[in-house]
Amino acid sequence: MIIAVNTRLKKEEQPEGYSTFMFEILDGLTNKFPQHQFVYFFDGPYDEKLKFNKNVLPMVAGPKTNNSLGLRYWLNYKIPTLLRKHKADVFISMDGTCSLRTKIPQLLMVSDLRFIQQPELIKKSQVRFYKRFTPAFLVKAKNVVTVSEYSKLIIADHYKINAIDITVINPSINELFKPIEWEEKEYIKEKYAESKSYFLFSGDINQGSNIINLLKAFSFFKKRQKSNMMMLIAGKANESFKKELKNYTYKMEVKLLEDLSILNLAKITGAAYALVHPVLYSDFSISPLQAIQCGVPVIAADTGALPIILGEAALYTIPNDFKDIAENMMLIFKDEEKARKLVITGYAILNQYQKDKSAEFFMKSILKAFHN
């Protein structure tokens, strides 16, 4: 079977952790099912750091989808041409869109519901596009998958779809994220944090990341605790945030780490005192699950899918209240037994987030779309 995949990458449009989620789950799928050929369609140059399995053919085929008109052209004219050219049997679209002008069976993954739940977090043009076309996409697709039980219920309720017809594909976490020994933790702290313990934020810095409130919380924490704890921010930052950071009171105790390899991110995550993830909205939970797999306690926002995904494996905070974020940071800092219990509880949920399991569910959904 030839399986074509829409791997259009637009970081400014897509939620935090989206590309990591997408390529981890595709890596598990292509590795688990080497008998199938996969063709990845990119609308522009892709990151050369990406490594694909032997049964993957990456194709760059513009034009770039810089706006809603460009995206409609890509979906309804470029994609059908590419599908015919590569004799695809089924088409997977990972970004909540599909082509309305092809007869090839399509599997639609809906991975971002901000346009329904938090429209203020994304561009108005995106909100208009997805509100206008998502009903048509859901009708056109032969099968629909999403990324959490929370998202499944939102889709079913909002579009009056039977929830039983929507499959949840859990994210899978790279095996590089694992607990590390004390000596290696000390080495990581020496290399990245002046040999000090640190809180970690991991993910792209965008409007929904709530990073300014996190910095306010860190200031509150420093004033109250008088500790030498640092804050590491691992992710791509825009110039606005970098300028903000230059004027930050505790700028010497905050390190911005951009363009990390997946291995270095895994090591930094494993050596963290705790991961703080106060995002304003999320349909899935990559960074917290990475931390849990490393045996690192998590403070997460009480928004979106996070409480359902993480359950009792995290402390929850009100993302719009920096003092509440700080209070949770202080609780983790002072109560080692609480932190230990979070880690133990976290290990119990990891069985749901294995590559093989996600790949099996994904392939069943692909075959369902093909045969419908």
Protein backbone atom coordinates (compact mmCIF):
# COMPACT_ATOMS: atom_id res chain seq x y z
CA MET A 1 0.00 0.00 0.00
CA ILE A 2 1.17 3.52 -0.82
CA ILE A 3 0.24 5.94 1.96
CA ALA A 4 0.60 9.67 1.32
CA VAL A 5 0.90 12.05 4.28
CA ASN A 6 0.36 15.79 4.51
CA THR A 7 3.33 16.93 6.62
CA ARG A 8 2.83 20.64 6.00
CA LEU A 9 4.80 22.49 8.69
CA LYS A 10 3.72 25.96 9.79
CA LYS A 11 5.03 26.57 13.31
CA GLU A 12 3.31 29.94 13.54
CA GLU A 13 -0.04 28.23 12.90
CA GLN A 14 0.30 24.94 14.73
CA PRO A 15 0.15 24.28 18.46
CA GLU A 16 3.18 23.83 20.71
CA GLY A 17 4.64 20.35 20.30
CA TYR A 18 2.77 19.65 17.05
CA SER A 19 5.78 18.79 14.88
CA THR A 20 7.27 16.59 17.62
CA PHE A 21 3.95 14.82 18.03
CA MET A 22 3.51 14.35 14.28
CA PHE A 23 6.94 12.96 13.49
CA GLU A 24 7.14 10.72 16.58
CA ILE A 25 3.85 9.07 15.70
CA LEU A 26 4.80 8.77 12.02
CA ASP A 27 8.17 7.31 12.96
CA GLY A 28 6.43 4.61 15.00
CA LEU A 29 4.01 3.93 12.12
CA THR A 30 6.63 3.66 9.38
CA ASN A 31 8.93 1.56 11.57
CA LYS A 32 6.16 -0.83 12.61
CA PHE A 33 4.87 -1.35 9.05
CA PRO A 34 7.91 -1.51 6.72
CA GLN A 35 5.84 -3.37 4.08
CA HIS A 36 4.05 -0.13 3.19
CA GLN A 37 5.50 2.81 1.25
CA PHE A 38 4.96 6.30 2.73
CA VAL A 39 5.25 9.58 0.83
CA TYR A 40 5.50 12.76 2.91
CA PHE A 41 4.30 15.96 1.23
CA PHE A 42 6.00 19.17 2.41
CA ASP A 43 5.04 22.58 1.05
CA GLY A 44 8.54 23.96 1.67
CA PRO A 45 12.01 22.92 2.88
CA TYR A 46 11.96 20.67 5.93
CA ASP A 47 14.41 20.47 8.81
CA GLU A 48 17.50 18.52 7.77
CA LYS A 49 17.68 17.11 11.31
CA LEU A 50 14.62 14.99 10.56
CA LYS A 51 15.48 11.33 10.01
CA PHE A 52 13.09 9.08 8.11
CA ASN A 53 12.79 5.31 7.87
CA LYS A 54 13.76 3.59 4.60
CA ASN A 55 10.14 3.23 3.49
CA VAL A 56 9.59 7.01 3.54
CA LEU A 57 9.95 9.26 0.50
CA PRO A 58 9.97 12.97 1.51
CA MET A 59 8.70 15.27 -1.25
CA VAL A 60 8.93 19.06 -1.29
CA ALA A 61 6.18 20.40 -3.53
CA GLY A 62 5.23 24.06 -3.28
CA PRO A 63 3.85 26.58 -3.34
CA LYS A 64 4.07 27.39 0.34
CA THR A 65 0.76 27.67 2.13
CA ASN A 66 1.32 31.16 3.51
CA ASN A 67 -2.38 32.06 3.73
CA SER A 68 -5.83 30.50 3.53
CA LEU A 69 -6.00 30.97 -0.25
CA GLY A 70 -2.64 29.24 -0.65
CA LEU A 71 -3.75 26.44 1.64
CA ARG A 72 -6.95 25.89 -0.38
CA TYR A 73 -4.90 25.71 -3.59
CA TRP A 74 -2.50 23.25 -1.96
CA LEU A 75 -5.31 21.00 -0.70
CA ASN A 76 -7.63 21.08 -3.68
CA TYR A 77 -5.26 21.29 -6.64
CA LYS A 78 -1.69 20.42 -5.66
CA ILE A 79 -2.54 17.46 -3.40
CA PRO A 80 -4.80 15.66 -5.94
CA THR A 81 -2.03 15.98 -8.55
CA LEU A 82 0.57 14.58 -6.14
CA LEU A 83 -1.71 11.72 -5.10
CA ARG A 84 -2.20 10.68 -8.73
CA LYS A 85 1.49 11.03 -9.51
CA HIS A 86 2.52 8.75 -6.64
CA LYS A 87 -0.43 6.37 -7.12
CA ALA A 88 -1.43 6.76 -3.49
CA ASP A 89 -3.97 4.35 -2.03
CA VAL A 90 -4.87 6.53 0.93
CA PHE A 91 -4.09 10.08 2.10
CA ILE A 92 -3.47 11.10 5.71
CA SER A 93 -3.76 14.77 6.63
CA MET A 94 -2.25 15.55 10.02
CA ASP A 95 -3.32 19.18 10.41
CA GLY A 96 -7.11 19.08 10.50
CA THR A 97 -7.54 19.64 6.76
CA CYS A 98 -8.25 17.44 3.77
CA SER A 99 -8.69 17.76 0.03
CA LEU A 100 -12.23 18.31 -1.20
CA ARG A 101 -11.26 17.51 -4.81
CA THR A 102 -9.82 14.01 -4.73
CA LYS A 103 -11.48 10.60 -4.75
CA ILE A 104 -8.55 9.00 -2.88
CA PRO A 105 -9.74 7.83 0.58
CA GLN A 106 -8.65 10.24 3.30
CA LEU A 107 -7.90 9.91 7.00
CA LEU A 108 -8.37 13.22 8.80
CA MET A 109 -6.45 13.91 12.00
CA VAL A 110 -7.86 16.79 14.04
CA SER A 111 -5.07 17.84 16.36
CA ASP A 112 -5.83 21.48 17.15
CA LEU A 113 -9.16 22.80 18.42
CA ARG A 114 -8.04 26.26 19.44
CA PHE A 115 -10.29 27.76 16.76
CA ILE A 116 -13.24 26.45 18.80
CA GLN A 117 -11.93 26.57 22.36
CA GLN A 118 -9.48 29.49 22.42
CA PRO A 119 -9.81 31.45 19.14
CA GLU A 120 -8.01 34.45 20.63
CA LEU A 121 -4.76 32.43 20.64
CA ILE A 122 -4.53 32.18 16.85
CA LYS A 123 -4.90 34.44 13.83
CA LYS A 124 -8.42 35.49 12.87
CA SER A 125 -7.81 34.20 9.34
CA GLN A 126 -7.09 30.73 10.78
CA VAL A 127 -10.23 30.84 12.88
CA ARG A 128 -12.32 31.79 9.84
CA PHE A 129 -10.72 29.09 7.67
CA TYR A 130 -11.22 26.22 10.11
CA LYS A 131 -14.71 27.29 11.16
CA ARG A 132 -15.76 27.49 7.52
CA PHE A 133 -14.20 24.28 6.20
CA THR A 134 -13.97 21.81 9.09
CA PRO A 135 -17.58 20.60 8.65
CA ALA A 136 -16.81 19.81 4.99
CA PHE A 137 -13.53 18.12 5.93
CA LEU A 138 -15.31 15.88 8.43
CA VAL A 139 -17.88 14.86 5.82
CA LYS A 140 -15.25 14.24 3.12
CA ALA A 141 -12.91 12.14 5.27
CA LYS A 142 -13.47 8.38 5.32
CA ASN A 143 -12.25 8.21 8.90
CA VAL A 144 -11.43 10.71 11.65
CA VAL A 145 -8.79 10.48 14.38
CA THR A 146 -7.77 12.89 17.11
CA VAL A 147 -5.16 13.23 19.82
CA SER A 148 -6.97 12.92 23.16
CA GLU A 149 -10.26 11.85 24.71
CA TYR A 150 -10.86 15.51 25.50
CA SER A 151 -10.59 16.48 21.81
CA LYS A 152 -12.77 13.54 20.81
CA LEU A 153 -15.60 14.75 23.04
CA ILE A 154 -15.28 18.35 21.82
CA ILE A 155 -15.45 17.27 18.16
CA ALA A 156 -18.37 14.93 18.75
CA ASP A 157 -20.35 17.55 20.65
CA HIS A 158 -19.56 20.54 18.46
CA TYR A 159 -20.18 18.81 15.11
CA LYS A 160 -22.85 16.36 16.30
CA ILE A 161 -20.78 13.32 15.36
CA ASN A 162 -21.07 9.95 17.07
CA ALA A 163 -18.01 9.77 19.35
CA ILE A 164 -17.65 6.05 18.60
CA ASP A 165 -16.67 6.99 15.03
CA ILE A 166 -13.64 9.00 16.22
CA THR A 167 -10.43 7.18 17.19
CA VAL A 168 -7.92 8.57 19.68
CA ILE A 169 -4.27 8.18 18.66
CA ASN A 170 -2.18 8.83 21.76
CA PRO A 171 1.14 10.61 21.31
CA SER A 172 4.24 8.46 21.58
CA ILE A 173 7.33 9.67 23.40
CA ASN A 174 10.85 9.20 22.07
CA GLU A 175 12.76 6.53 23.98
CA LEU A 176 15.65 8.99 24.47
CA PHE A 177 13.55 10.56 27.23
CA LYS A 178 14.42 8.41 30.23
CA PRO A 179 15.71 8.79 33.81
CA ILE A 180 19.40 9.61 34.06
CA GLU A 181 21.94 8.86 36.79
CA TRP A 182 23.04 11.37 39.42
CA GLU A 183 26.51 11.88 37.88
CA GLU A 184 25.03 12.72 34.49
CA LYS A 185 22.52 15.09 36.08
CA GLU A 186 25.39 16.96 37.72
CA TYR A 187 27.20 17.17 34.39
CA ILE A 188 24.08 18.56 32.65
CA LYS A 189 23.56 21.12 35.42
CA GLU A 190 27.19 22.18 35.16
CA LYS A 191 26.97 22.53 31.38
CA TYR A 192 23.66 24.37 31.14
CA ALA A 193 22.78 25.81 34.56
CA GLU A 194 26.00 26.84 36.31
CA SER A 195 25.81 23.63 38.41
CA LYS A 196 22.49 24.77 39.91
CA SER A 197 19.14 23.01 40.03
CA TYR A 198 16.57 24.35 37.59
CA PHE A 199 12.95 24.46 36.55
CA LEU A 200 12.37 23.73 32.87
CA PHE A 201 9.96 25.02 30.27
CA SER A 202 10.13 23.06 27.02
CA GLY A 203 8.34 24.11 23.84
CA ASP A 204 8.08 26.86 21.26
CA ILE A 205 7.47 30.30 22.71
CA ASN A 206 4.27 31.66 21.21
CA GLN A 207 1.12 33.43 22.30
CA GLY A 208 -0.26 30.31 23.93
CA SER A 209 2.90 29.33 25.79
CA ASN A 210 2.18 31.86 28.55
CA ILE A 211 5.90 32.40 29.00
CA ILE A 212 5.63 35.92 30.45
CA ASN A 213 3.41 34.70 33.27
CA LEU A 214 5.95 31.93 33.88
CA LEU A 215 8.72 34.54 34.24
CA LYS A 216 6.54 36.51 36.65
CA ALA A 217 5.99 33.32 38.62
CA PHE A 218 9.72 32.65 38.69
CA SER A 219 10.32 36.17 40.04
CA PHE A 220 7.74 35.56 42.78
CA PHE A 221 9.38 32.22 43.57
CA LYS A 222 12.86 33.79 43.81
CA LYS A 223 11.67 36.56 46.13
CA ARG A 224 9.91 34.13 48.44
CA GLN A 225 12.42 31.25 48.49
CA LYS A 226 15.75 33.10 48.26
CA SER A 227 17.21 30.05 46.46
CA ASN A 228 19.77 29.80 43.65
CA MET A 229 17.31 27.83 41.51
CA MET A 230 17.46 28.68 37.79
CA MET A 231 14.95 28.56 34.95
CA LEU A 232 15.85 26.92 31.63
CA ILE A 233 13.67 27.64 28.59
CA ALA A 234 14.21 25.09 25.83
CA GLY A 235 12.52 26.23 22.65
CA LYS A 236 12.45 28.62 19.73
CA ALA A 237 11.91 32.24 20.80
CA ASN A 238 10.88 35.26 18.76
CA GLU A 239 12.67 38.61 18.93
CA SER A 240 9.93 40.10 21.08
CA PHE A 241 10.56 37.58 23.84
CA LYS A 242 14.34 37.96 23.60
CA LYS A 243 13.94 41.72 24.06
CA GLU A 244 11.65 41.11 27.04
CA LEU A 245 14.20 38.78 28.57
CA LYS A 246 16.96 41.43 28.39
CA ASN A 247 14.92 43.64 30.75
CA TYR A 248 13.94 40.83 33.10
CA THR A 249 15.05 41.25 36.74
CA TYR A 250 16.39 37.70 37.03
CA LYS A 251 17.77 37.49 33.49
CA MET A 252 21.09 36.07 34.76
CA GLU A 253 19.22 33.12 36.22
CA VAL A 254 17.23 32.32 33.08
CA LYS A 255 18.86 30.48 30.19
CA LEU A 256 17.26 30.36 26.74
CA LEU A 257 18.32 27.22 24.85
CA GLU A 258 17.36 27.21 21.17
CA ASP A 259 17.84 24.61 18.44
CA LEU A 260 18.62 21.75 20.80
CA SER A 261 18.99 18.26 19.37
CA ILE A 262 16.42 15.75 20.60
CA LEU A 263 19.17 14.00 22.58
CA ASN A 264 20.23 17.19 24.36
CA LEU A 265 16.61 18.09 25.09
CA ALA A 266 16.12 14.62 26.60
CA LYS A 267 19.18 15.06 28.83
CA ILE A 268 18.12 18.55 29.94
CA THR A 269 14.63 17.26 30.68
CA GLY A 270 16.00 14.33 32.67
CA ALA A 271 18.16 16.59 34.83
CA ALA A 272 15.42 19.14 35.61
CA TYR A 273 14.08 19.66 39.13
CA ALA A 274 10.59 19.96 37.62
CA LEU A 275 8.93 20.80 34.32
CA VAL A 276 6.59 23.81 34.41
CA HIS A 277 4.01 23.79 31.61
CA PRO A 278 1.51 26.65 32.20
CA VAL A 279 0.23 26.85 28.61
CA LEU A 280 -3.06 28.60 27.97
CA TYR A 281 -4.52 25.70 25.99
CA SER A 282 -3.43 22.29 24.70
CA ASP A 283 -5.09 19.37 22.94
CA PHE A 284 -2.18 17.06 23.70
CA SER A 285 0.74 16.89 26.08
CA ILE A 286 4.20 16.23 24.62
CA SER A 287 6.53 18.10 27.00
CA PRO A 288 4.85 16.88 30.23
CA LEU A 289 4.86 13.28 28.99
CA GLN A 290 8.54 13.60 28.08
CA ALA A 291 9.25 14.80 31.62
CA ILE A 292 7.16 12.01 33.18
CA GLN A 293 9.07 9.44 31.14
CA CYS A 294 12.29 10.96 32.53
CA GLY A 295 11.02 10.64 36.11
CA VAL A 296 10.68 14.42 36.50
CA PRO A 297 7.70 15.98 38.37
CA VAL A 298 5.34 18.15 36.32
CA ILE A 299 3.41 21.35 37.00
CA ALA A 300 0.79 21.76 34.26
CA ALA A 301 -1.99 24.17 33.40
CA ASP A 302 -5.51 23.10 34.32
CA THR A 303 -6.68 23.79 30.76
CA GLY A 304 -7.68 21.84 27.68
CA ALA A 305 -6.78 18.17 27.56
CA LEU A 306 -3.97 18.30 30.13
CA PRO A 307 -5.93 17.21 33.24
CA ILE A 308 -7.49 14.29 31.35
CA ILE A 309 -4.18 13.15 29.86
CA LEU A 310 -2.01 13.56 32.95
CA GLY A 311 -4.54 12.71 35.66
CA GLU A 312 -2.93 12.64 39.11
CA ALA A 313 0.58 12.63 37.61
CA ALA A 314 0.86 16.43 37.73
CA LEU A 315 0.20 19.43 39.91
CA TYR A 316 -2.27 21.78 38.26
CA THR A 317 -2.07 25.53 38.12
CA ILE A 318 -4.21 28.40 36.89
CA PRO A 319 -2.21 29.66 33.89
CA ASN A 320 -3.49 33.24 34.07
CA ASP A 321 -2.45 33.56 37.74
CA PHE A 322 1.33 33.84 38.05
CA LYS A 323 1.10 33.64 41.84
CA ASP A 324 -0.66 30.29 41.57
CA ILE A 325 2.07 29.04 39.22
CA ALA A 326 4.67 30.22 41.75
CA GLU A 327 2.85 28.55 44.66
CA ASN A 328 3.01 25.23 42.83
CA MET A 329 6.70 25.75 42.07
CA MET A 330 7.29 26.38 45.78
CA LEU A 331 5.30 23.29 46.73
CA ILE A 332 7.43 21.09 44.46
CA PHE A 333 10.57 22.80 45.77
CA LYS A 334 9.74 22.28 49.45
CA ASP A 335 7.89 18.95 49.43
CA GLU A 336 10.16 16.20 48.11
CA GLU A 337 7.67 13.51 49.08
CA LYS A 338 4.99 15.19 46.95
CA ALA A 339 7.40 15.34 44.01
CA ARG A 340 8.28 11.66 44.47
CA LYS A 341 4.59 10.63 44.46
CA LEU A 342 3.99 12.56 41.24
CA VAL A 343 6.85 10.69 39.57
CA ILE A 344 5.54 7.30 40.73
CA THR A 345 2.02 8.13 39.56
CA GLY A 346 3.45 9.31 36.23
CA TYR A 347 5.14 6.00 35.54
CA ALA A 348 1.75 4.28 35.89
CA ILE A 349 0.23 6.20 32.94
CA LEU A 350 3.11 5.74 30.49
CA ASN A 351 1.83 2.42 29.18
CA GLN A 352 -0.79 4.36 27.20
CA TYR A 353 1.89 6.27 25.28
CA GLN A 354 3.98 3.58 23.58
CA LYS A 355 4.99 3.81 19.91
CA ASP A 356 3.86 0.29 19.04
CA LYS A 357 0.39 0.82 20.48
CA SER A 358 -0.05 4.19 18.77
CA ALA A 359 1.20 2.73 15.47
CA GLU A 360 -1.24 -0.18 15.65
CA PHE A 361 -4.22 2.10 16.29
CA PHE A 362 -3.08 4.43 13.54
CA MET A 363 -2.76 1.64 10.97
CA LYS A 364 -6.20 0.27 11.88
CA SER A 365 -7.60 3.75 11.25
CA ILE A 366 -5.77 3.99 7.90
CA LEU A 367 -7.14 0.62 6.78
CA LYS A 368 -10.63 1.64 7.90
CA ALA A 369 -10.40 4.79 5.78
CA PHE A 370 -9.11 2.74 2.81
CA HIS A 371 -11.92 0.18 2.98
CA ASN A 372 -14.81 2.56 3.76
